PDB file of N, CA and C in Angstrom:
ATOM      1  N   MET A   1      10.935-123.170  47.791  1.00  0.00           N
ATOM      2  CA  MET A   1      11.366-122.162  46.836  1.00  0.00           C
ATOM      3  C   MET A   1      11.719-120.859  47.542  1.00  0.00           C
ATOM      4  N   LYS A   2      10.883-120.443  48.501  1.00  0.00           N
ATOM      5  CA  LYS A   2      11.137-119.184  49.199  1.00  0.00           C
ATOM      6  C   LYS A   2      12.470-119.228  49.932  1.00  0.00           C
ATOM      7  N   SER A   3      12.794-120.344  50.538  1.00  0.00           N
ATOM      8  CA  SER A   3      14.063-120.430  51.255  1.00  0.00           C
ATOM      9  C   SER A   3      15.242-120.406  50.284  1.00  0.00           C
ATOM     10  N   THR A   4      15.041-120.862  49.057  1.00  0.00           N
ATOM     11  CA  THR A   4      16.112-120.865  48.060  1.00  0.00           C
ATOM     12  C   THR A   4      16.443-119.446  47.621  1.00  0.00           C
ATOM     13  N   ILE A   5      15.441-118.635  47.321  1.00  0.00           N
ATOM     14  CA  ILE A   5      15.738-117.286  46.841  1.00  0.00           C
ATOM     15  C   ILE A   5      16.134-116.340  47.969  1.00  0.00           C
ATOM     16  N   ASN A   6      15.986-116.765  49.210  1.00  0.00           N
ATOM     17  CA  ASN A   6      16.413-115.957  50.356  1.00  0.00           C
ATOM     18  C   ASN A   6      17.722-116.454  50.960  1.00  0.00           C
ATOM     19  N   ASN A   7      18.331-117.445  50.360  1.00  0.00           N
ATOM     20  CA  ASN A   7      19.581-118.008  50.852  1.00  0.00           C
ATOM     21  C   ASN A   7      20.750-117.230  50.239  1.00  0.00           C
ATOM     22  N   TRP A   8      21.438-116.458  51.063  1.00  0.00           N
ATOM     23  CA  TRP A   8      22.539-115.614  50.589  1.00  0.00           C
ATOM     24  C   TRP A   8      23.613-116.421  49.875  1.00  0.00           C
ATOM     25  N   ARG A   9      24.029-117.523  50.492  1.00  0.00           N
ATOM     26  CA  ARG A   9      25.115-118.323  49.907  1.00  0.00           C
ATOM     27  C   ARG A   9      24.744-118.845  48.533  1.00  0.00           C
ATOM     28  N   LEU A  10      23.540-119.356  48.405  1.00  0.00           N
ATOM     29  CA  LEU A  10      23.101-119.919  47.133  1.00  0.00           C
ATOM     30  C   LEU A  10      22.986-118.833  46.063  1.00  0.00           C
ATOM     31  N   VAL A  11      22.457-117.691  46.416  1.00  0.00           N
ATOM     32  CA  VAL A  11      22.323-116.596  45.448  1.00  0.00           C
ATOM     33  C   VAL A  11      23.700-116.099  45.011  1.00  0.00           C
ATOM     34  N   ILE A  12      24.646-116.004  45.925  1.00  0.00           N
ATOM     35  CA  ILE A  12      26.003-115.569  45.569  1.00  0.00           C
ATOM     36  C   ILE A  12      26.674-116.597  44.671  1.00  0.00           C
ATOM     37  N   ILE A  13      26.483-117.875  44.947  1.00  0.00           N
ATOM     38  CA  ILE A  13      27.030-118.923  44.077  1.00  0.00           C
ATOM     39  C   ILE A  13      26.414-118.823  42.686  1.00  0.00           C
ATOM     40  N   PHE A  14      25.102-118.577  42.618  1.00  0.00           N
ATOM     41  CA  PHE A  14      24.451-118.391  41.318  1.00  0.00           C
ATOM     42  C   PHE A  14      25.057-117.207  40.570  1.00  0.00           C
ATOM     43  N   CYS A  15      25.323-116.113  41.287  1.00  0.00           N
ATOM     44  CA  CYS A  15      25.905-114.927  40.646  1.00  0.00           C
ATOM     45  C   CYS A  15      27.298-115.221  40.099  1.00  0.00           C
ATOM     46  N   LEU A  16      28.091-115.923  40.880  1.00  0.00           N
ATOM     47  CA  LEU A  16      29.474-116.183  40.479  1.00  0.00           C
ATOM     48  C   LEU A  16      29.585-117.253  39.399  1.00  0.00           C
ATOM     49  N   THR A  17      28.585-118.102  39.262  1.00  0.00           N
ATOM     50  CA  THR A  17      28.639-119.142  38.235  1.00  0.00           C
ATOM     51  C   THR A  17      27.750-118.760  37.053  1.00  0.00           C
ATOM     52  N   LEU A  18      26.465-118.901  37.201  1.00  0.00           N
ATOM     53  CA  LEU A  18      25.526-118.629  36.114  1.00  0.00           C
ATOM     54  C   LEU A  18      25.543-117.153  35.720  1.00  0.00           C
ATOM     55  N   GLY A  19      25.677-116.280  36.678  1.00  0.00           N
ATOM     56  CA  GLY A  19      25.651-114.843  36.393  1.00  0.00           C
ATOM     57  C   GLY A  19      26.850-114.345  35.615  1.00  0.00           C
ATOM     58  N   LEU A  20      27.973-115.036  35.702  1.00  0.00           N
ATOM     59  CA  LEU A  20      29.179-114.593  35.002  1.00  0.00           C
ATOM     60  C   LEU A  20      29.594-115.521  33.864  1.00  0.00           C
ATOM     61  N   ALA A  21      29.079-116.741  33.811  1.00  0.00           N
ATOM     62  CA  ALA A  21      29.507-117.719  32.814  1.00  0.00           C
ATOM     63  C   ALA A  21      29.049-117.320  31.422  1.00  0.00           C
ATOM     64  N   PRO A  22      29.750-117.632  30.379  1.00  0.00           N
ATOM     65  CA  PRO A  22      31.149-118.048  30.349  1.00  0.00           C
ATOM     66  C   PRO A  22      32.072-116.884  30.726  1.00  0.00           C
ATOM     67  N   PHE A  23      33.186-117.216  31.301  1.00  0.00           N
ATOM     68  CA  PHE A  23      34.063-116.207  31.903  1.00  0.00           C
ATOM     69  C   PHE A  23      35.004-115.536  30.905  1.00  0.00           C
ATOM     70  N   PHE A  24      35.356-116.223  29.829  1.00  0.00           N
ATOM     71  CA  PHE A  24      36.351-115.702  28.895  1.00  0.00           C
ATOM     72  C   PHE A  24      35.732-115.533  27.520  1.00  0.00           C
ATOM     73  N   PRO A  25      36.004-114.517  26.788  1.00  0.00           N
ATOM     74  CA  PRO A  25      36.976-113.462  27.013  1.00  0.00           C
ATOM     75  C   PRO A  25      36.501-112.404  28.007  1.00  0.00           C
ATOM     76  N   GLU A  26      35.192-112.332  28.256  1.00  0.00           N
ATOM     77  CA  GLU A  26      34.650-111.448  29.289  1.00  0.00           C
ATOM     78  C   GLU A  26      33.385-112.115  29.810  1.00  0.00           C
ATOM     79  N   PRO A  27      32.962-111.780  31.023  1.00  0.00           N
ATOM     80  CA  PRO A  27      31.708-112.359  31.523  1.00  0.00           C
ATOM     81  C   PRO A  27      30.554-112.078  30.553  1.00  0.00           C
ATOM     82  N   HIS A  28      29.755-113.084  30.321  1.00  0.00           N
ATOM     83  CA  HIS A  28      28.693-113.029  29.319  1.00  0.00           C
ATOM     84  C   HIS A  28      27.704-111.904  29.593  1.00  0.00           C
ATOM     85  N   ILE A  29      27.317-111.741  30.839  1.00  0.00           N
ATOM     86  CA  ILE A  29      26.339-110.701  31.185  1.00  0.00           C
ATOM     87  C   ILE A  29      26.918-109.318  30.900  1.00  0.00           C
ATOM     88  N   TRP A  30      28.212-109.151  31.120  1.00  0.00           N
ATOM     89  CA  TRP A  30      28.854-107.866  30.851  1.00  0.00           C
ATOM     90  C   TRP A  30      28.803-107.543  29.364  1.00  0.00           C
ATOM     91  N   GLY A  31      29.038-108.545  28.530  1.00  0.00           N
ATOM     92  CA  GLY A  31      28.951-108.350  27.090  1.00  0.00           C
ATOM     93  C   GLY A  31      27.543-107.963  26.653  1.00  0.00           C
ATOM     94  N   LYS A  32      26.526-108.599  27.269  1.00  0.00           N
ATOM     95  CA  LYS A  32      25.131-108.270  26.931  1.00  0.00           C
ATOM     96  C   LYS A  32      24.784-106.852  27.389  1.00  0.00           C
ATOM     97  N   ILE A  33      25.258-106.461  28.558  1.00  0.00           N
ATOM     98  CA  ILE A  33      24.990-105.101  29.056  1.00  0.00           C
ATOM     99  C   ILE A  33      25.614-104.066  28.127  1.00  0.00           C
ATOM    100  N   LYS A  34      26.845-104.315  27.688  1.00  0.00           N
ATOM    101  CA  LYS A  34      27.498-103.390  26.762  1.00  0.00           C
ATOM    102  C   LYS A  34      26.750-103.331  25.441  1.00  0.00           C
ATOM    103  N   TRP A  35      26.243-104.473  24.991  1.00  0.00           N
ATOM    104  CA  TRP A  35      25.503-104.532  23.738  1.00  0.00           C
ATOM    105  C   TRP A  35      24.213-103.705  23.849  1.00  0.00           C
ATOM    106  N   ILE A  36      23.503-103.866  24.957  1.00  0.00           N
ATOM    107  CA  ILE A  36      22.265-103.118  25.176  1.00  0.00           C
ATOM    108  C   ILE A  36      22.564-101.629  25.335  1.00  0.00           C
ATOM    109  N   ALA A  37      23.636-101.295  26.055  1.00  0.00           N
ATOM    110  CA  ALA A  37      24.010 -99.890  26.241  1.00  0.00           C
ATOM    111  C   ALA A  37      24.378 -99.239  24.903  1.00  0.00           C
ATOM    112  N   GLY A  38      24.853-100.049  23.971  1.00  0.00           N
ATOM    113  CA  GLY A  38      25.191 -99.542  22.650  1.00  0.00           C
ATOM    114  C   GLY A  38      23.997 -99.462  21.720  1.00  0.00           C
ATOM    115  N   GLY A  39      22.822 -99.733  22.230  1.00  0.00           N
ATOM    116  CA  GLY A  39      21.616 -99.620  21.431  1.00  0.00           C
ATOM    117  C   GLY A  39      20.946-100.953  21.142  1.00  0.00           C
ATOM    118  N   GLY A  40      21.640-102.048  21.428  1.00  0.00           N
ATOM    119  CA  GLY A  40      21.047-103.369  21.220  1.00  0.00           C
ATOM    120  C   GLY A  40      20.799-103.699  19.759  1.00  0.00           C
ATOM    121  N   VAL A  41      21.561-103.074  18.863  1.00  0.00           N
ATOM    122  CA  VAL A  41      21.373-103.295  17.427  1.00  0.00           C
ATOM    123  C   VAL A  41      21.730-104.744  17.088  1.00  0.00           C
ATOM    124  N   GLY A  42      20.802-105.409  16.444  1.00  0.00           N
ATOM    125  CA  GLY A  42      21.040-106.783  16.021  1.00  0.00           C
ATOM    126  C   GLY A  42      20.661-107.836  17.046  1.00  0.00           C
ATOM    127  N   MET A  43      20.179-107.415  18.213  1.00  0.00           N
ATOM    128  CA  MET A  43      19.791-108.393  19.238  1.00  0.00           C
ATOM    129  C   MET A  43      18.505-109.086  18.813  1.00  0.00           C
ATOM    130  N   GLN A  44      18.502-110.390  18.963  1.00  0.00           N
ATOM    131  CA  GLN A  44      17.327-111.183  18.636  1.00  0.00           C
ATOM    132  C   GLN A  44      16.687-111.657  19.929  1.00  0.00           C
ATOM    133  N   LEU A  45      15.560-112.334  19.815  1.00  0.00           N
ATOM    134  CA  LEU A  45      14.824-112.807  20.986  1.00  0.00           C
ATOM    135  C   LEU A  45      15.690-113.703  21.865  1.00  0.00           C
ATOM    136  N   LEU A  46      16.495-114.567  21.281  1.00  0.00           N
ATOM    137  CA  LEU A  46      17.359-115.453  22.057  1.00  0.00           C
ATOM    138  C   LEU A  46      18.382-114.657  22.863  1.00  0.00           C
ATOM    139  N   ASP A  47      18.876-113.569  22.304  1.00  0.00           N
ATOM    140  CA  ASP A  47      19.831-112.716  23.018  1.00  0.00           C
ATOM    141  C   ASP A  47      19.176-112.064  24.235  1.00  0.00           C
ATOM    142  N   TRP A  48      17.931-111.626  24.087  1.00  0.00           N
ATOM    143  CA  TRP A  48      17.214-111.031  25.221  1.00  0.00           C
ATOM    144  C   TRP A  48      16.941-112.077  26.293  1.00  0.00           C
ATOM    145  N   PHE A  49      16.551-113.287  25.883  1.00  0.00           N
ATOM    146  CA  PHE A  49      16.347-114.372  26.840  1.00  0.00           C
ATOM    147  C   PHE A  49      17.644-114.671  27.575  1.00  0.00           C
ATOM    148  N   ASP A  50      18.751-114.704  26.844  1.00  0.00           N
ATOM    149  CA  ASP A  50      20.058-114.966  27.431  1.00  0.00           C
ATOM    150  C   ASP A  50      20.422-113.892  28.453  1.00  0.00           C
ATOM    151  N   PHE A  51      20.097-112.638  28.139  1.00  0.00           N
ATOM    152  CA  PHE A  51      20.355-111.536  29.065  1.00  0.00           C
ATOM    153  C   PHE A  51      19.561-111.723  30.362  1.00  0.00           C
ATOM    154  N   VAL A  52      18.282-112.068  30.236  1.00  0.00           N
ATOM    155  CA  VAL A  52      17.436-112.297  31.416  1.00  0.00           C
ATOM    156  C   VAL A  52      17.942-113.500  32.202  1.00  0.00           C
ATOM    157  N   TYR A  53      18.317-114.562  31.506  1.00  0.00           N
ATOM    158  CA  TYR A  53      18.792-115.799  32.142  1.00  0.00           C
ATOM    159  C   TYR A  53      20.058-115.551  32.966  1.00  0.00           C
ATOM    160  N   HIS A  54      21.016-114.832  32.399  1.00  0.00           N
ATOM    161  CA  HIS A  54      22.267-114.558  33.111  1.00  0.00           C
ATOM    162  C   HIS A  54      22.123-113.402  34.105  1.00  0.00           C
ATOM    163  N   GLY A  55      21.093-112.571  33.944  1.00  0.00           N
ATOM    164  CA  GLY A  55      20.889-111.441  34.844  1.00  0.00           C
ATOM    165  C   GLY A  55      20.052-111.768  36.062  1.00  0.00           C
ATOM    166  N   LEU A  56      19.271-112.837  36.005  1.00  0.00           N
ATOM    167  CA  LEU A  56      18.389-113.193  37.117  1.00  0.00           C
ATOM    168  C   LEU A  56      19.124-113.364  38.450  1.00  0.00           C
ATOM    169  N   PRO A  57      20.283-114.045  38.504  1.00  0.00           N
ATOM    170  CA  PRO A  57      20.976-114.139  39.798  1.00  0.00           C
ATOM    171  C   PRO A  57      21.336-112.775  40.384  1.00  0.00           C
ATOM    172  N   TRP A  58      21.678-111.819  39.523  1.00  0.00           N
ATOM    173  CA  TRP A  58      22.031-110.482  39.993  1.00  0.00           C
ATOM    174  C   TRP A  58      20.807-109.746  40.514  1.00  0.00           C
ATOM    175  N   VAL A  59      19.671-109.970  39.889  1.00  0.00           N
ATOM    176  CA  VAL A  59      18.419-109.377  40.368  1.00  0.00           C
ATOM    177  C   VAL A  59      18.068-109.948  41.741  1.00  0.00           C
ATOM    178  N   LEU A  60      18.258-111.256  41.919  1.00  0.00           N
ATOM    179  CA  LEU A  60      17.986-111.880  43.220  1.00  0.00           C
ATOM    180  C   LEU A  60      18.922-111.330  44.296  1.00  0.00           C
ATOM    181  N   LEU A  61      20.199-111.125  43.939  1.00  0.00           N
ATOM    182  CA  LEU A  61      21.149-110.562  44.902  1.00  0.00           C
ATOM    183  C   LEU A  61      20.765-109.128  45.265  1.00  0.00           C
ATOM    184  N   LEU A  62      20.399-108.344  44.291  1.00  0.00           N
ATOM    185  CA  LEU A  62      19.962-106.966  44.547  1.00  0.00           C
ATOM    186  C   LEU A  62      18.724-106.960  45.443  1.00  0.00           C
ATOM    187  N   ARG A  63      17.805-107.888  45.195  1.00  0.00           N
ATOM    188  CA  ARG A  63      16.599-108.017  46.014  1.00  0.00           C
ATOM    189  C   ARG A  63      16.953-108.309  47.472  1.00  0.00           C
ATOM    190  N   LEU A  64      17.891-109.230  47.686  1.00  0.00           N
ATOM    191  CA  LEU A  64      18.296-109.558  49.056  1.00  0.00           C
ATOM    192  C   LEU A  64      18.949-108.360  49.741  1.00  0.00           C
ATOM    193  N   VAL A  65      19.769-107.621  49.022  1.00  0.00           N
ATOM    194  CA  VAL A  65      20.426-106.443  49.600  1.00  0.00           C
ATOM    195  C   VAL A  65      19.386-105.404  49.991  1.00  0.00           C
ATOM    196  N   VAL A  66      18.427-105.149  49.107  1.00  0.00           N
ATOM    197  CA  VAL A  66      17.378-104.161  49.402  1.00  0.00           C
ATOM    198  C   VAL A  66      16.557-104.606  50.608  1.00  0.00           C
ATOM    199  N   LEU A  67      16.202-105.874  50.674  1.00  0.00           N
ATOM    200  CA  LEU A  67      15.436-106.369  51.822  1.00  0.00           C
ATOM    201  C   LEU A  67      16.221-106.230  53.117  1.00  0.00           C
ATOM    202  N   LYS A  68      17.518-106.527  53.069  1.00  0.00           N
ATOM    203  CA  LYS A  68      18.362-106.435  54.270  1.00  0.00           C
ATOM    204  C   LYS A  68      18.485-104.983  54.736  1.00  0.00           C
ATOM    205  N   VAL A  69      18.742-104.079  53.801  1.00  0.00           N
ATOM    206  CA  VAL A  69      18.880-102.659  54.155  1.00  0.00           C
ATOM    207  C   VAL A  69      17.551-102.124  54.662  1.00  0.00           C
ATOM    208  N   ASN A  70      16.470-102.477  54.006  1.00  0.00           N
ATOM    209  CA  ASN A  70      15.147-102.017  54.400  1.00  0.00           C
ATOM    210  C   ASN A  70      14.786-102.521  55.795  1.00  0.00           C
ATOM    211  N   THR A  71      15.107-103.769  56.080  1.00  0.00           N
ATOM    212  CA  THR A  71      14.829-104.338  57.399  1.00  0.00           C
ATOM    213  C   THR A  71      15.627-103.618  58.472  1.00  0.00           C
ATOM    214  N   LYS A  72      16.906-103.358  58.229  1.00  0.00           N
ATOM    215  CA  LYS A  72      17.721-102.653  59.214  1.00  0.00           C
ATOM    216  C   LYS A  72      17.221-101.226  59.425  1.00  0.00           C
ATOM    217  N   PHE A  73      16.801-100.568  58.348  1.00  0.00           N
ATOM    218  CA  PHE A  73      16.298 -99.204  58.445  1.00  0.00           C
ATOM    219  C   PHE A  73      15.001 -99.159  59.248  1.00  0.00           C
ATOM    220  N   ILE A  74      14.110-100.108  59.010  1.00  0.00           N
ATOM    221  CA  ILE A  74      12.839-100.146  59.728  1.00  0.00           C
ATOM    222  C   ILE A  74      13.067-100.437  61.200  1.00  0.00           C
ATOM    223  N   VAL A  75      13.971-101.360  61.522  1.00  0.00           N
ATOM    224  CA  VAL A  75      14.249-101.703  62.921  1.00  0.00           C
ATOM    225  C   VAL A  75      14.835-100.490  63.637  1.00  0.00           C
ATOM    226  N   LYS A  76      15.789 -99.781  63.013  1.00  0.00           N
ATOM    227  CA  LYS A  76      16.393 -98.608  63.645  1.00  0.00           C
ATOM    228  C   LYS A  76      15.355 -97.512  63.831  1.00  0.00           C
ATOM    229  N   LYS A  77      14.461 -97.356  62.878  1.00  0.00           N
ATOM    230  CA  LYS A  77      13.436 -96.333  62.961  1.00  0.00           C
ATOM    231  C   LYS A  77      12.462 -96.609  64.103  1.00  0.00           C
ATOM    232  N   GLU A  78      12.110 -97.894  64.305  1.00  0.00           N
ATOM    233  CA  GLU A  78      11.195 -98.260  65.377  1.00  0.00           C
ATOM    234  C   GLU A  78      11.836 -98.107  66.750  1.00  0.00           C
ATOM    235  N   VAL A  79      13.139 -98.350  66.863  1.00  0.00           N
ATOM    236  CA  VAL A  79      13.832 -98.251  68.143  1.00  0.00           C
ATOM    237  C   VAL A  79      13.941 -96.792  68.566  1.00  0.00           C
ATOM    238  N   ALA A  80      14.176 -95.912  67.614  1.00  0.00           N
ATOM    239  CA  ALA A  80      14.388 -94.498  67.921  1.00  0.00           C
ATOM    240  C   ALA A  80      13.155 -93.804  68.403  1.00  0.00           C
TER     241      ALA A  80
END
């Protein structure tokens, strides 16, 4: 499991497929974000679950980016 969530290629594939599906008329996660930004009026429990389900790949990608930047920052700090 740990190697799966740390695999850049797999996380990017998850973002481009599950994170954006369905693609038309707009990516599903984008529609949910706009709905929440508008106050989330009328959202039910299934809508919130759907938001988490489609948002999880993006959270994993953000996690990998933060870990990569943090690792580079720590290495540069130790060298200096």
